[in-house]
Amino acid sequence: MKPLRKLRVAPATKDYLREEEERDPSVRKVFDGLTWRLIHEQSPPGYPLPDSHPPRYLIKKVYRLPVPRLLRLVYQMTDKEVFIELAQVVDFKEQENS
């Protein structure tokens, strides 16, 4: 399936993901899976963030069982491009408190 959009990632987000991947290599697989959806699906597969201009979306994925972790991405999307602004990896217990 041919991508509908180009993927761009903010430089600081790339650095953050690289550091997280050194600690947990499965971060790369989860990131690649989420971004595949973003560049191939017609409509944004995340949740719109209220009062954001331009519109921003949040997508998240729980992974690495039995000790779950969560990857969150905040992105903007146009017909031609997906721009990943922020990423956050947290232990699932930390996620419950935030």
Protein backbone atom coordinates (compact mmCIF):
# COMPACT_ATOMS: atom_id res chain seq x y z
CA MET A 1 0.00 0.00 0.00
CA LYS A 2 1.45 3.33 -1.08
CA PRO A 3 1.71 6.05 1.63
CA LEU A 4 -0.72 8.95 1.33
CA ARG A 5 1.53 11.36 3.24
CA LYS A 6 5.14 12.11 3.99
CA LEU A 7 6.35 11.69 7.60
CA ARG A 8 8.34 14.37 9.42
CA VAL A 9 9.49 14.19 13.03
CA ALA A 10 10.66 17.16 15.10
CA PRO A 11 14.42 16.97 15.81
CA ALA A 12 14.01 16.98 19.61
CA THR A 13 11.42 14.21 19.30
CA LYS A 14 13.83 12.13 17.17
CA ASP A 15 16.48 12.53 19.88
CA TYR A 16 14.03 11.56 22.61
CA LEU A 17 12.88 8.46 20.73
CA ARG A 18 16.49 7.43 20.06
CA GLU A 19 17.25 7.60 23.79
CA GLU A 20 14.12 5.63 24.66
CA GLU A 21 14.95 3.03 22.02
CA GLU A 22 18.35 2.46 23.63
CA ARG A 23 16.56 1.60 26.89
CA ASP A 24 13.77 -0.42 25.25
CA PRO A 25 14.23 -1.56 21.61
CA SER A 26 10.51 -2.28 21.22
CA VAL A 27 9.86 1.50 21.18
CA ARG A 28 10.99 1.55 17.53
CA LYS A 29 8.51 -1.16 16.49
CA VAL A 30 5.62 0.58 18.24
CA PHE A 31 6.57 3.98 16.76
CA ASP A 32 6.87 2.49 13.27
CA GLY A 33 3.45 0.83 13.62
CA LEU A 34 1.74 4.03 14.73
CA THR A 35 3.38 6.17 12.05
CA TRP A 36 2.48 3.59 9.38
CA ARG A 37 -1.17 4.13 10.32
CA LEU A 38 -0.73 7.91 10.22
CA ILE A 39 0.77 8.02 6.74
CA HIS A 40 -1.56 5.40 5.22
CA GLU A 41 -5.03 6.08 6.67
CA GLN A 42 -7.40 8.65 5.17
CA SER A 43 -8.55 10.30 8.41
CA PRO A 44 -6.53 10.91 11.59
CA PRO A 45 -6.61 7.78 13.76
CA GLY A 46 -6.06 9.76 16.97
CA TYR A 47 -8.01 12.01 19.29
CA PRO A 48 -8.28 15.73 18.42
CA LEU A 49 -6.75 17.98 21.08
CA PRO A 50 -9.19 20.74 22.05
CA ASP A 51 -8.40 24.36 21.24
CA SER A 52 -5.28 23.58 19.19
CA HIS A 53 -4.55 25.70 16.14
CA PRO A 54 -3.51 24.25 13.78
CA PRO A 55 -5.38 21.08 14.75
CA ARG A 56 -3.31 18.57 16.68
CA TYR A 57 -4.07 14.96 17.49
CA LEU A 58 -3.03 12.44 20.13
CA ILE A 59 -2.49 8.77 19.38
CA LYS A 60 -1.35 6.23 21.97
CA LYS A 61 -0.46 2.56 22.13
CA VAL A 62 0.06 0.24 25.08
CA TYR A 63 2.83 -2.31 24.52
CA ARG A 64 5.38 -4.62 26.15
CA LEU A 65 3.30 -6.98 28.20
CA PRO A 66 3.29 -8.24 30.98
CA VAL A 67 4.80 -4.96 32.26
CA PRO A 68 2.91 -2.51 30.07
CA ARG A 69 4.28 0.75 28.77
CA LEU A 70 2.54 3.47 26.80
CA LEU A 71 3.76 5.47 23.79
CA ARG A 72 1.96 8.75 23.11
CA LEU A 73 2.42 10.87 20.00
CA VAL A 74 1.12 14.39 19.36
CA TYR A 75 0.96 15.23 15.67
CA GLN A 76 -0.38 17.54 13.01
CA MET A 77 -1.70 16.19 9.73
CA THR A 78 -2.43 17.59 6.29
CA ASP A 79 -3.31 15.86 3.03
CA LYS A 80 0.39 15.65 2.19
CA GLU A 81 2.23 15.36 5.51
CA VAL A 82 2.21 14.08 9.08
CA PHE A 83 4.38 16.02 11.51
CA ILE A 84 5.16 14.32 14.83
CA GLU A 85 5.72 17.11 17.35
CA LEU A 86 5.99 15.24 20.64
CA ALA A 87 6.49 11.71 21.92
CA GLN A 88 6.32 10.32 25.42
CA VAL A 89 7.02 6.83 26.72
CA VAL A 90 5.75 6.05 30.22
CA ASP A 91 5.20 3.01 32.39
CA PHE A 92 1.50 2.27 32.47
CA LYS A 93 1.32 2.95 36.23
CA GLU A 94 2.76 6.45 35.63
CA GLN A 95 0.12 7.03 32.97
CA GLU A 96 -2.68 6.49 35.49
CA ASN A 97 -1.38 9.42 37.57
CA SER A 98 -0.98 11.88 34.69
